[in-house]
Amino acid sequence: MNTPAHLVFDRALLRSRLARAHAQGAAGFLVDHVAGDFADRLSAVLRPFPRILDLGTPTQALATLMAARAPEKLVRAAPVAQALGEGPWTGMVVDEEALPFPENAFDLVVSALALQFVNDLPGALIQIRRALAPDGLFIGCLIGGQSLQELRLAFAEAEDSIMGGTSPRVAPFADLRDMGGLLQRAGLALPVTDSDTITVRYASMFGLLRDLRAMGATNALIARDRRPLRRAVLMKAAEIYQSRFADPDGRLRATFEFVWVSGWAPHQSQQKPLAPGSAKMRLADALKVEERKL
């Protein structure tokens, strides 16, 4: 199959698995955790956001939180209808890579645990910037690259020992070091990035796999091995996981990293960096150290 080099995810497969997860009862504990952090971060912003877009968030937890801010207009946009839920918002099925919104449509755009699955993240950020009104705010949370490192290692070792090689099974998620530059490239001002991690514990690796399936987050890489997973590989991976990542009580650790990004649509009222050479004090004087010429 000839696939463009920039395509990483099978987006149609992702939508199918997300719809299946909702039909069977989606696991939303990660989104619930992140939604609580959104509340904390937005509590420091003392201004109204009358028009809000919740973009791609896989459950309605974040939209419910946004509705509590009493916006005049709240839009919840998701890639499958099953994820939209019901509430005081307008639900729209959209592709995060091709947003249908006009310029200056929203004062706040939020997105939780969705944008890590787009093939063109810079393009998605540019479209978000275009949809923001001047001085509008974007806050997003993506799954970060340190997530599921235990699962990644266990499967890699198991496949290598049994199959004599490895195939990609865990997505190459967002890297915090890249995100600030991507926000700037998208035209967002005052970019801020940070990350945090949580550890979820399981009785076995199979509990983690069930949760990933219930999130619609199982392997949808275009480069995935299309052959059925051999039972021997699965059992060997479970054995390695148990031996490497068990706590003293026998329960297994699974790491999830959350990469937080935010930026503002430019506006003349925003703080701007000083022009080069405009400082009124030398850095050496400010630090009270002796200047040395090299």
C-alpha atoms as a PDB file:
ATOM      1  CA  MET A   1       0.000   0.000   0.000  1.00  0.00           C
ATOM      2  CA  ASN A   2       1.424   3.388  -0.987  1.00  0.00           C
ATOM      3  CA  THR A   3       0.847   5.865   1.838  1.00  0.00           C
ATOM      4  CA  PRO A   4       1.996   9.523   1.965  1.00  0.00           C
ATOM      5  CA  ALA A   5       4.936   9.859   4.354  1.00  0.00           C
ATOM      6  CA  HIS A   6       3.142  12.361   6.620  1.00  0.00           C
ATOM      7  CA  LEU A   7       0.202  10.038   7.349  1.00  0.00           C
ATOM      8  CA  VAL A   8       0.642   8.207  10.654  1.00  0.00           C
ATOM      9  CA  PHE A   9      -2.905   7.344  11.711  1.00  0.00           C
ATOM     10  CA  ASP A  10      -5.722   5.531   9.944  1.00  0.00           C
ATOM     11  CA  ARG A  11      -8.354   8.158  10.701  1.00  0.00           C
ATOM     12  CA  ALA A  12     -11.275   6.083   9.425  1.00  0.00           C
ATOM     13  CA  LEU A  13     -10.246   3.244  11.746  1.00  0.00           C
ATOM     14  CA  LEU A  14      -9.933   5.669  14.665  1.00  0.00           C
ATOM     15  CA  ARG A  15     -13.487   6.916  14.081  1.00  0.00           C
ATOM     16  CA  SER A  16     -14.792   3.371  13.851  1.00  0.00           C
ATOM     17  CA  ARG A  17     -13.138   2.373  17.117  1.00  0.00           C
ATOM     18  CA  LEU A  18     -14.323   5.496  18.918  1.00  0.00           C
ATOM     19  CA  ALA A  19     -17.893   4.811  17.803  1.00  0.00           C
ATOM     20  CA  ARG A  20     -17.580   1.193  18.968  1.00  0.00           C
ATOM     21  CA  ALA A  21     -16.231   2.316  22.339  1.00  0.00           C
ATOM     22  CA  HIS A  22     -19.230   4.577  22.905  1.00  0.00           C
ATOM     23  CA  ALA A  23     -21.642   1.882  21.818  1.00  0.00           C
ATOM     24  CA  GLN A  24     -20.139  -0.510  24.380  1.00  0.00           C
ATOM     25  CA  GLY A  25     -19.648   2.045  27.179  1.00  0.00           C
ATOM     26  CA  ALA A  26     -16.662   4.344  26.774  1.00  0.00           C
ATOM     27  CA  ALA A  27     -14.004   4.546  29.487  1.00  0.00           C
ATOM     28  CA  GLY A  28     -13.752   8.223  30.359  1.00  0.00           C
ATOM     29  CA  PHE A  29     -11.575   8.353  33.480  1.00  0.00           C
ATOM     30  CA  LEU A  30      -8.630  10.027  31.724  1.00  0.00           C
ATOM     31  CA  VAL A  31     -10.871  12.735  30.234  1.00  0.00           C
ATOM     32  CA  ASP A  32     -12.506  13.228  33.653  1.00  0.00           C
ATOM     33  CA  HIS A  33      -9.070  13.736  35.204  1.00  0.00           C
ATOM     34  CA  VAL A  34      -8.027  16.213  32.518  1.00  0.00           C
ATOM     35  CA  ALA A  35     -11.342  18.107  32.712  1.00  0.00           C
ATOM     36  CA  GLY A  36     -10.623  18.820  36.365  1.00  0.00           C
ATOM     37  CA  ASP A  37      -7.272  20.324  35.374  1.00  0.00           C
ATOM     38  CA  PHE A  38      -9.010  22.462  32.736  1.00  0.00           C
ATOM     39  CA  ALA A  39     -11.193  23.890  35.497  1.00  0.00           C
ATOM     40  CA  ASP A  40      -8.121  24.832  37.528  1.00  0.00           C
ATOM     41  CA  ARG A  41      -6.338  26.428  34.569  1.00  0.00           C
ATOM     42  CA  LEU A  42      -9.343  28.448  33.434  1.00  0.00           C
ATOM     43  CA  SER A  43     -10.073  29.663  36.968  1.00  0.00           C
ATOM     44  CA  ALA A  44      -7.031  31.939  36.660  1.00  0.00           C
ATOM     45  CA  VAL A  45      -8.448  33.639  33.532  1.00  0.00           C
ATOM     46  CA  LEU A  46     -10.775  36.353  34.854  1.00  0.00           C
ATOM     47  CA  ARG A  47     -12.704  37.170  31.705  1.00  0.00           C
ATOM     48  CA  PRO A  48     -15.819  35.838  29.991  1.00  0.00           C
ATOM     49  CA  PHE A  49     -15.754  33.612  26.917  1.00  0.00           C
ATOM     50  CA  PRO A  50     -19.197  33.972  25.321  1.00  0.00           C
ATOM     51  CA  ARG A  51     -18.457  31.640  22.379  1.00  0.00           C
ATOM     52  CA  ILE A  52     -16.743  28.321  23.170  1.00  0.00           C
ATOM     53  CA  LEU A  53     -15.731  25.340  21.041  1.00  0.00           C
ATOM     54  CA  ASP A  54     -14.947  21.936  22.570  1.00  0.00           C
ATOM     55  CA  LEU A  55     -12.974  20.253  19.804  1.00  0.00           C
ATOM     56  CA  GLY A  56     -12.659  16.486  19.554  1.00  0.00           C
ATOM     57  CA  THR A  57     -12.830  15.634  23.260  1.00  0.00           C
ATOM     58  CA  PRO A  58     -13.932  11.970  23.308  1.00  0.00           C
ATOM     59  CA  THR A  59     -16.538  12.357  26.084  1.00  0.00           C
ATOM     60  CA  GLN A  60     -18.837  15.194  27.161  1.00  0.00           C
ATOM     61  CA  ALA A  61     -17.014  15.823  30.469  1.00  0.00           C
ATOM     62  CA  LEU A  62     -15.230  18.938  29.209  1.00  0.00           C
ATOM     63  CA  ALA A  63     -18.317  20.353  27.462  1.00  0.00           C
ATOM     64  CA  THR A  64     -20.265  19.956  30.710  1.00  0.00           C
ATOM     65  CA  LEU A  65     -17.575  21.955  32.480  1.00  0.00           C
ATOM     66  CA  MET A  66     -17.627  24.656  29.794  1.00  0.00           C
ATOM     67  CA  ALA A  67     -21.422  24.906  30.011  1.00  0.00           C
ATOM     68  CA  ALA A  68     -21.036  25.887  33.675  1.00  0.00           C
ATOM     69  CA  ARG A  69     -19.293  29.091  32.488  1.00  0.00           C
ATOM     70  CA  ALA A  70     -22.670  30.141  31.014  1.00  0.00           C
ATOM     71  CA  PRO A  71     -21.493  30.901  27.472  1.00  0.00           C
ATOM     72  CA  GLU A  72     -23.854  32.408  24.934  1.00  0.00           C
ATOM     73  CA  LYS A  73     -22.758  29.791  22.409  1.00  0.00           C
ATOM     74  CA  LEU A  74     -21.217  26.391  23.129  1.00  0.00           C
ATOM     75  CA  VAL A  75     -20.348  24.034  20.278  1.00  0.00           C
ATOM     76  CA  ARG A  76     -19.212  20.464  20.868  1.00  0.00           C
ATOM     77  CA  ALA A  77     -17.470  19.053  17.794  1.00  0.00           C
ATOM     78  CA  ALA A  78     -16.368  15.420  17.623  1.00  0.00           C
ATOM     79  CA  PRO A  79     -15.419  12.974  14.849  1.00  0.00           C
ATOM     80  CA  VAL A  80     -18.358  10.607  15.541  1.00  0.00           C
ATOM     81  CA  ALA A  81     -21.957  11.361  16.491  1.00  0.00           C
ATOM     82  CA  GLN A  82     -21.898   8.871  19.372  1.00  0.00           C
ATOM     83  CA  ALA A  83     -19.364  11.050  21.222  1.00  0.00           C
ATOM     84  CA  LEU A  84     -21.414  14.266  21.145  1.00  0.00           C
ATOM     85  CA  GLY A  85     -23.709  13.487  24.070  1.00  0.00           C
ATOM     86  CA  GLU A  86     -26.612  15.663  25.143  1.00  0.00           C
ATOM     87  CA  GLY A  87     -26.454  18.984  26.933  1.00  0.00           C
ATOM     88  CA  PRO A  88     -26.737  22.754  26.506  1.00  0.00           C
ATOM     89  CA  TRP A  89     -24.563  22.778  23.416  1.00  0.00           C
ATOM     90  CA  THR A  90     -24.748  22.421  19.659  1.00  0.00           C
ATOM     91  CA  GLY A  91     -23.308  19.068  18.555  1.00  0.00           C
ATOM     92  CA  MET A  92     -21.437  18.791  15.261  1.00  0.00           C
ATOM     93  CA  VAL A  93     -19.637  15.880  13.604  1.00  0.00           C
ATOM     94  CA  VAL A  94     -16.349  17.272  12.270  1.00  0.00           C
ATOM     95  CA  ASP A  95     -12.916  16.112  11.238  1.00  0.00           C
ATOM     96  CA  GLU A  96     -10.298  17.801  13.434  1.00  0.00           C
ATOM     97  CA  GLU A  97      -8.084  18.041  10.349  1.00  0.00           C
ATOM     98  CA  ALA A  98     -10.709  19.987   8.311  1.00  0.00           C
ATOM     99  CA  LEU A  99     -12.612  22.402  10.536  1.00  0.00           C
ATOM    100  CA  PRO A 100     -15.759  23.967   9.008  1.00  0.00           C
ATOM    101  CA  PHE A 101     -15.801  27.111  11.158  1.00  0.00           C
ATOM    102  CA  PRO A 102     -15.418  30.670   9.829  1.00  0.00           C
ATOM    103  CA  GLU A 103     -12.763  33.088  11.027  1.00  0.00           C
ATOM    104  CA  ASN A 104     -13.275  34.729  14.440  1.00  0.00           C
ATOM    105  CA  ALA A 105     -16.059  32.262  15.333  1.00  0.00           C
ATOM    106  CA  PHE A 106     -15.000  31.540  18.943  1.00  0.00           C
ATOM    107  CA  ASP A 107     -13.509  33.273  21.974  1.00  0.00           C
ATOM    108  CA  LEU A 108     -12.252  30.036  23.539  1.00  0.00           C
ATOM    109  CA  VAL A 109     -11.290  26.706  21.973  1.00  0.00           C
ATOM    110  CA  VAL A 110     -10.587  23.732  24.244  1.00  0.00           C
ATOM    111  CA  SER A 111      -9.601  20.197  23.333  1.00  0.00           C
ATOM    112  CA  ALA A 112      -8.867  17.234  25.601  1.00  0.00           C
ATOM    113  CA  LEU A 113      -7.031  14.047  24.542  1.00  0.00           C
ATOM    114  CA  ALA A 114      -7.926  14.269  20.854  1.00  0.00           C
ATOM    115  CA  LEU A 115      -5.356  16.206  18.853  1.00  0.00           C
ATOM    116  CA  GLN A 116      -2.616  13.594  19.385  1.00  0.00           C
ATOM    117  CA  PHE A 117      -4.416  11.502  16.761  1.00  0.00           C
ATOM    118  CA  VAL A 118      -4.366  14.019  13.896  1.00  0.00           C
ATOM    119  CA  ASN A 119      -1.922  13.471  11.047  1.00  0.00           C
ATOM    120  CA  ASP A 120      -1.333  17.189  10.481  1.00  0.00           C
ATOM    121  CA  LEU A 121      -1.059  18.790  13.898  1.00  0.00           C
ATOM    122  CA  PRO A 122       0.474  22.065  12.584  1.00  0.00           C
ATOM    123  CA  GLY A 123      -2.417  22.375  10.126  1.00  0.00           C
ATOM    124  CA  ALA A 124      -4.983  21.676  12.863  1.00  0.00           C
ATOM    125  CA  LEU A 125      -3.451  24.379  15.076  1.00  0.00           C
ATOM    126  CA  ILE A 126      -3.526  26.872  12.201  1.00  0.00           C
ATOM    127  CA  GLN A 127      -7.235  26.162  11.695  1.00  0.00           C
ATOM    128  CA  ILE A 128      -7.871  26.599  15.429  1.00  0.00           C
ATOM    129  CA  ARG A 129      -6.043  29.939  15.328  1.00  0.00           C
ATOM    130  CA  ARG A 130      -8.187  31.022  12.357  1.00  0.00           C
ATOM    131  CA  ALA A 131     -11.396  30.132  14.222  1.00  0.00           C
ATOM    132  CA  LEU A 132     -10.411  32.263  17.220  1.00  0.00           C
ATOM    133  CA  ALA A 133     -11.453  35.888  17.515  1.00  0.00           C
ATOM    134  CA  PRO A 134      -8.701  38.414  18.331  1.00  0.00           C
ATOM    135  CA  ASP A 135      -7.553  37.879  21.929  1.00  0.00           C
ATOM    136  CA  GLY A 136      -9.272  34.472  21.912  1.00  0.00           C
ATOM    137  CA  LEU A 137      -7.682  31.632  23.881  1.00  0.00           C
ATOM    138  CA  PHE A 138      -6.812  28.061  22.917  1.00  0.00           C
ATOM    139  CA  ILE A 139      -6.096  25.456  25.607  1.00  0.00           C
ATOM    140  CA  GLY A 140      -5.402  21.877  24.608  1.00  0.00           C
ATOM    141  CA  CYS A 141      -4.277  18.724  26.344  1.00  0.00           C
ATOM    142  CA  LEU A 142      -2.713  15.906  24.310  1.00  0.00           C
ATOM    143  CA  ILE A 143      -1.425  12.470  25.224  1.00  0.00           C
ATOM    144  CA  GLY A 144       2.357  12.844  25.480  1.00  0.00           C
ATOM    145  CA  GLY A 145       5.221  10.740  24.213  1.00  0.00           C
ATOM    146  CA  GLN A 146       6.063   9.195  27.596  1.00  0.00           C
ATOM    147  CA  SER A 147       2.642   7.541  27.780  1.00  0.00           C
ATOM    148  CA  LEU A 148       2.378   3.744  27.894  1.00  0.00           C
ATOM    149  CA  GLN A 149       6.150   3.333  27.879  1.00  0.00           C
ATOM    150  CA  GLU A 150       5.742   0.136  29.879  1.00  0.00           C
ATOM    151  CA  LEU A 151       3.384  -1.384  27.320  1.00  0.00           C
ATOM    152  CA  ARG A 152       5.626  -0.277  24.472  1.00  0.00           C
ATOM    153  CA  LEU A 153       8.664  -1.989  25.997  1.00  0.00           C
ATOM    154  CA  ALA A 154       6.825  -5.191  26.916  1.00  0.00           C
ATOM    155  CA  PHE A 155       5.458  -5.711  23.403  1.00  0.00           C
ATOM    156  CA  ALA A 156       8.749  -4.789  21.726  1.00  0.00           C
ATOM    157  CA  GLU A 157      10.686  -7.334  23.781  1.00  0.00           C
ATOM    158  CA  ALA A 158       8.024 -10.003  23.346  1.00  0.00           C
ATOM    159  CA  GLU A 159       7.869  -9.615  19.569  1.00  0.00           C
ATOM    160  CA  ASP A 160      11.618  -9.500  19.217  1.00  0.00           C
ATOM    161  CA  SER A 161      12.100 -12.694  21.211  1.00  0.00           C
ATOM    162  CA  ILE A 162       9.351 -14.652  19.421  1.00  0.00           C
ATOM    163  CA  MET A 163       9.098 -13.087  15.952  1.00  0.00           C
ATOM    164  CA  GLY A 164      12.683 -11.912  15.542  1.00  0.00           C
ATOM    165  CA  GLY A 165      11.591  -8.296  15.019  1.00  0.00           C
ATOM    166  CA  THR A 166       9.123  -5.633  16.140  1.00  0.00           C
ATOM    167  CA  SER A 167       6.157  -3.796  14.639  1.00  0.00           C
ATOM    168  CA  PRO A 168       4.738  -0.418  15.786  1.00  0.00           C
ATOM    169  CA  ARG A 169       1.975  -0.855  18.378  1.00  0.00           C
ATOM    170  CA  VAL A 170       2.000   2.351  20.461  1.00  0.00           C
ATOM    171  CA  ALA A 171       1.562   5.707  18.725  1.00  0.00           C
ATOM    172  CA  PRO A 172       4.349   8.325  18.591  1.00  0.00           C
ATOM    173  CA  PHE A 173       2.497  10.852  20.736  1.00  0.00           C
ATOM    174  CA  ALA A 174       3.193  14.582  21.183  1.00  0.00           C
ATOM    175  CA  ASP A 175       6.627  15.746  22.323  1.00  0.00           C
ATOM    176  CA  LEU A 176       6.573  18.677  24.744  1.00  0.00           C
ATOM    177  CA  ARG A 177       9.787  20.111  23.238  1.00  0.00           C
ATOM    178  CA  ASP A 178       8.093  20.595  19.854  1.00  0.00           C
ATOM    179  CA  MET A 179       4.805  22.103  20.938  1.00  0.00           C
ATOM    180  CA  GLY A 180       5.886  25.672  21.679  1.00  0.00           C
ATOM    181  CA  GLY A 181       7.303  26.029  18.166  1.00  0.00           C
ATOM    182  CA  LEU A 182       4.147  24.571  16.634  1.00  0.00           C
ATOM    183  CA  LEU A 183       1.982  27.085  18.503  1.00  0.00           C
ATOM    184  CA  GLN A 184       4.137  29.938  17.235  1.00  0.00           C
ATOM    185  CA  ARG A 185       4.049  28.605  13.674  1.00  0.00           C
ATOM    186  CA  ALA A 186       0.258  28.541  13.901  1.00  0.00           C
ATOM    187  CA  GLY A 187       0.269  32.263  14.745  1.00  0.00           C
ATOM    188  CA  LEU A 188      -0.706  31.923  18.415  1.00  0.00           C
ATOM    189  CA  ALA A 189       0.767  34.529  20.751  1.00  0.00           C
ATOM    190  CA  LEU A 190       2.111  34.047  24.291  1.00  0.00           C
ATOM    191  CA  PRO A 191       2.470  30.244  23.891  1.00  0.00           C
ATOM    192  CA  VAL A 192       2.789  28.142  27.032  1.00  0.00           C
ATOM    193  CA  THR A 193       3.535  24.413  27.268  1.00  0.00           C
ATOM    194  CA  ASP A 194       3.929  22.066  30.208  1.00  0.00           C
ATOM    195  CA  SER A 195       3.287  18.447  31.068  1.00  0.00           C
ATOM    196  CA  ASP A 196       2.333  16.172  33.912  1.00  0.00           C
ATOM    197  CA  THR A 197       1.968  12.435  34.333  1.00  0.00           C
ATOM    198  CA  ILE A 198      -0.287  10.079  36.216  1.00  0.00           C
ATOM    199  CA  THR A 199       0.163   6.412  36.974  1.00  0.00           C
ATOM    200  CA  VAL A 200      -2.819   4.089  36.660  1.00  0.00           C
ATOM    201  CA  ARG A 201      -2.504   0.653  38.258  1.00  0.00           C
ATOM    202  CA  TYR A 202      -3.935  -2.615  36.971  1.00  0.00           C
ATOM    203  CA  ALA A 203      -4.241  -6.189  38.150  1.00  0.00           C
ATOM    204  CA  SER A 204      -2.815  -7.323  34.808  1.00  0.00           C
ATOM    205  CA  MET A 205      -1.799  -6.008  31.393  1.00  0.00           C
ATOM    206  CA  PHE A 206      -5.132  -7.252  30.044  1.00  0.00           C
ATOM    207  CA  GLY A 207      -7.011  -4.710  32.180  1.00  0.00           C
ATOM    208  CA  LEU A 208      -5.025  -1.942  30.535  1.00  0.00           C
ATOM    209  CA  LEU A 209      -5.764  -3.344  27.076  1.00  0.00           C
ATOM    210  CA  ARG A 210      -9.487  -3.472  27.894  1.00  0.00           C
ATOM    211  CA  ASP A 211      -9.431   0.192  28.952  1.00  0.00           C
ATOM    212  CA  LEU A 212      -7.591   1.237  25.784  1.00  0.00           C
ATOM    213  CA  ARG A 213     -10.233  -0.572  23.731  1.00  0.00           C
ATOM    214  CA  ALA A 214     -12.981   1.153  25.749  1.00  0.00           C
ATOM    215  CA  MET A 215     -11.350   4.511  24.932  1.00  0.00           C
ATOM    216  CA  GLY A 216     -11.242   3.738  21.222  1.00  0.00           C
ATOM    217  CA  ALA A 217      -7.469   4.103  21.517  1.00  0.00           C
ATOM    218  CA  THR A 218      -6.108   0.764  20.352  1.00  0.00           C
ATOM    219  CA  ASN A 219      -3.510   0.580  17.584  1.00  0.00           C
ATOM    220  CA  ALA A 220      -4.613   2.585  14.536  1.00  0.00           C
ATOM    221  CA  LEU A 221      -1.201   3.239  13.046  1.00  0.00           C
ATOM    222  CA  ILE A 222      -1.092   2.963   9.274  1.00  0.00           C
ATOM    223  CA  ALA A 223       2.215   1.101   9.614  1.00  0.00           C
ATOM    224  CA  ARG A 224       0.746  -1.476  12.017  1.00  0.00           C
ATOM    225  CA  ASP A 225       1.151  -5.184  11.336  1.00  0.00           C
ATOM    226  CA  ARG A 226      -2.136  -6.307   9.758  1.00  0.00           C
ATOM    227  CA  ARG A 227      -1.661  -9.948  10.758  1.00  0.00           C
ATOM    228  CA  PRO A 228      -3.544 -11.206  13.850  1.00  0.00           C
ATOM    229  CA  LEU A 229      -1.516 -10.887  17.028  1.00  0.00           C
ATOM    230  CA  ARG A 230      -0.065 -14.260  17.972  1.00  0.00           C
ATOM    231  CA  ARG A 231      -1.159 -15.536  21.361  1.00  0.00           C
ATOM    232  CA  ALA A 232       2.441 -16.392  22.223  1.00  0.00           C
ATOM    233  CA  VAL A 233       3.448 -12.748  21.738  1.00  0.00           C
ATOM    234  CA  LEU A 234       0.550 -11.516  23.857  1.00  0.00           C
ATOM    235  CA  MET A 235       1.322 -13.881  26.728  1.00  0.00           C
ATOM    236  CA  LYS A 236       5.049 -13.123  26.578  1.00  0.00           C
ATOM    237  CA  ALA A 237       4.300  -9.386  26.692  1.00  0.00           C
ATOM    238  CA  ALA A 238       2.093  -9.915  29.744  1.00  0.00           C
ATOM    239  CA  GLU A 239       4.897 -11.874  31.406  1.00  0.00           C
ATOM    240  CA  ILE A 240       7.469  -9.143  30.697  1.00  0.00           C
ATOM    241  CA  TYR A 241       5.087  -6.424  31.881  1.00  0.00           C
ATOM    242  CA  GLN A 242       4.498  -8.298  35.151  1.00  0.00           C
ATOM    243  CA  SER A 243       8.206  -8.875  35.761  1.00  0.00           C
ATOM    244  CA  ARG A 244       9.318  -5.311  34.946  1.00  0.00           C
ATOM    245  CA  PHE A 245       6.538  -3.002  36.086  1.00  0.00           C
ATOM    246  CA  ALA A 246       4.805  -4.550  39.086  1.00  0.00           C
ATOM    247  CA  ASP A 247       4.613  -2.797  42.450  1.00  0.00           C
ATOM    248  CA  PRO A 248       5.278  -4.778  45.650  1.00  0.00           C
ATOM    249  CA  ASP A 249       1.561  -5.605  45.910  1.00  0.00           C
ATOM    250  CA  GLY A 250       1.650  -7.165  42.419  1.00  0.00           C
ATOM    251  CA  ARG A 251      -0.358  -4.484  40.618  1.00  0.00           C
ATOM    252  CA  LEU A 252       1.074  -3.098  37.382  1.00  0.00           C
ATOM    253  CA  ARG A 253       1.905   0.519  36.568  1.00  0.00           C
ATOM    254  CA  ALA A 254       0.774   2.273  33.381  1.00  0.00           C
ATOM    255  CA  THR A 255       2.093   5.794  32.753  1.00  0.00           C
ATOM    256  CA  PHE A 256       0.050   8.476  31.004  1.00  0.00           C
ATOM    257  CA  GLU A 257       1.706  11.793  30.143  1.00  0.00           C
ATOM    258  CA  PHE A 258      -0.442  14.848  29.450  1.00  0.00           C
ATOM    259  CA  VAL A 259       1.048  17.647  27.343  1.00  0.00           C
ATOM    260  CA  TRP A 260      -0.677  20.983  27.926  1.00  0.00           C
ATOM    261  CA  VAL A 261      -0.554  23.782  25.351  1.00  0.00           C
ATOM    262  CA  SER A 262      -2.099  27.224  25.260  1.00  0.00           C
ATOM    263  CA  GLY A 263      -1.884  30.362  23.173  1.00  0.00           C
ATOM    264  CA  TRP A 264      -3.826  33.493  22.321  1.00  0.00           C
ATOM    265  CA  ALA A 265      -5.024  34.869  19.016  1.00  0.00           C
ATOM    266  CA  PRO A 266      -2.971  38.056  18.604  1.00  0.00           C
ATOM    267  CA  HIS A 267      -4.446  41.344  19.798  1.00  0.00           C
ATOM    268  CA  GLN A 268      -2.951  44.798  20.230  1.00  0.00           C
ATOM    269  CA  SER A 269      -3.660  44.773  23.971  1.00  0.00           C
ATOM    270  CA  GLN A 270      -1.356  41.823  24.607  1.00  0.00           C
ATOM    271  CA  GLN A 271       2.084  42.184  26.134  1.00  0.00           C
ATOM    272  CA  LYS A 272       4.808  42.309  23.481  1.00  0.00           C
ATOM    273  CA  PRO A 273       8.533  41.578  23.767  1.00  0.00           C
ATOM    274  CA  LEU A 274      10.853  44.578  23.821  1.00  0.00           C
ATOM    275  CA  ALA A 275      12.724  45.433  20.655  1.00  0.00           C
ATOM    276  CA  PRO A 276      16.377  44.313  20.601  1.00  0.00           C
ATOM    277  CA  GLY A 277      18.657  46.975  22.085  1.00  0.00           C
ATOM    278  CA  SER A 278      15.867  48.818  23.905  1.00  0.00           C
ATOM    279  CA  ALA A 279      16.821  47.678  27.427  1.00  0.00           C
ATOM    280  CA  LYS A 280      17.757  50.505  29.826  1.00  0.00           C
ATOM    281  CA  MET A 281      20.036  48.329  32.001  1.00  0.00           C
ATOM    282  CA  ARG A 282      22.793  45.904  31.122  1.00  0.00           C
ATOM    283  CA  LEU A 283      22.180  42.281  32.111  1.00  0.00           C
ATOM    284  CA  ALA A 284      25.511  42.237  33.976  1.00  0.00           C
ATOM    285  CA  ASP A 285      24.368  45.205  36.101  1.00  0.00           C
ATOM    286  CA  ALA A 286      20.994  43.606  36.815  1.00  0.00           C
ATOM    287  CA  LEU A 287      22.682  40.406  37.982  1.00  0.00           C
ATOM    288  CA  LYS A 288      25.400  42.377  39.836  1.00  0.00           C
ATOM    289  CA  VAL A 289      28.217  40.490  38.213  1.00  0.00           C
ATOM    290  CA  GLU A 290      31.314  41.620  36.375  1.00  0.00           C
ATOM    291  CA  GLU A 291      30.982  41.668  32.591  1.00  0.00           C
ATOM    292  CA  ARG A 292      33.710  39.716  30.805  1.00  0.00           C
ATOM    293  CA  LYS A 293      34.703  40.192  27.218  1.00  0.00           C
ATOM    294  CA  LEU A 294      35.575  36.954  25.415  1.00  0.00           C
END
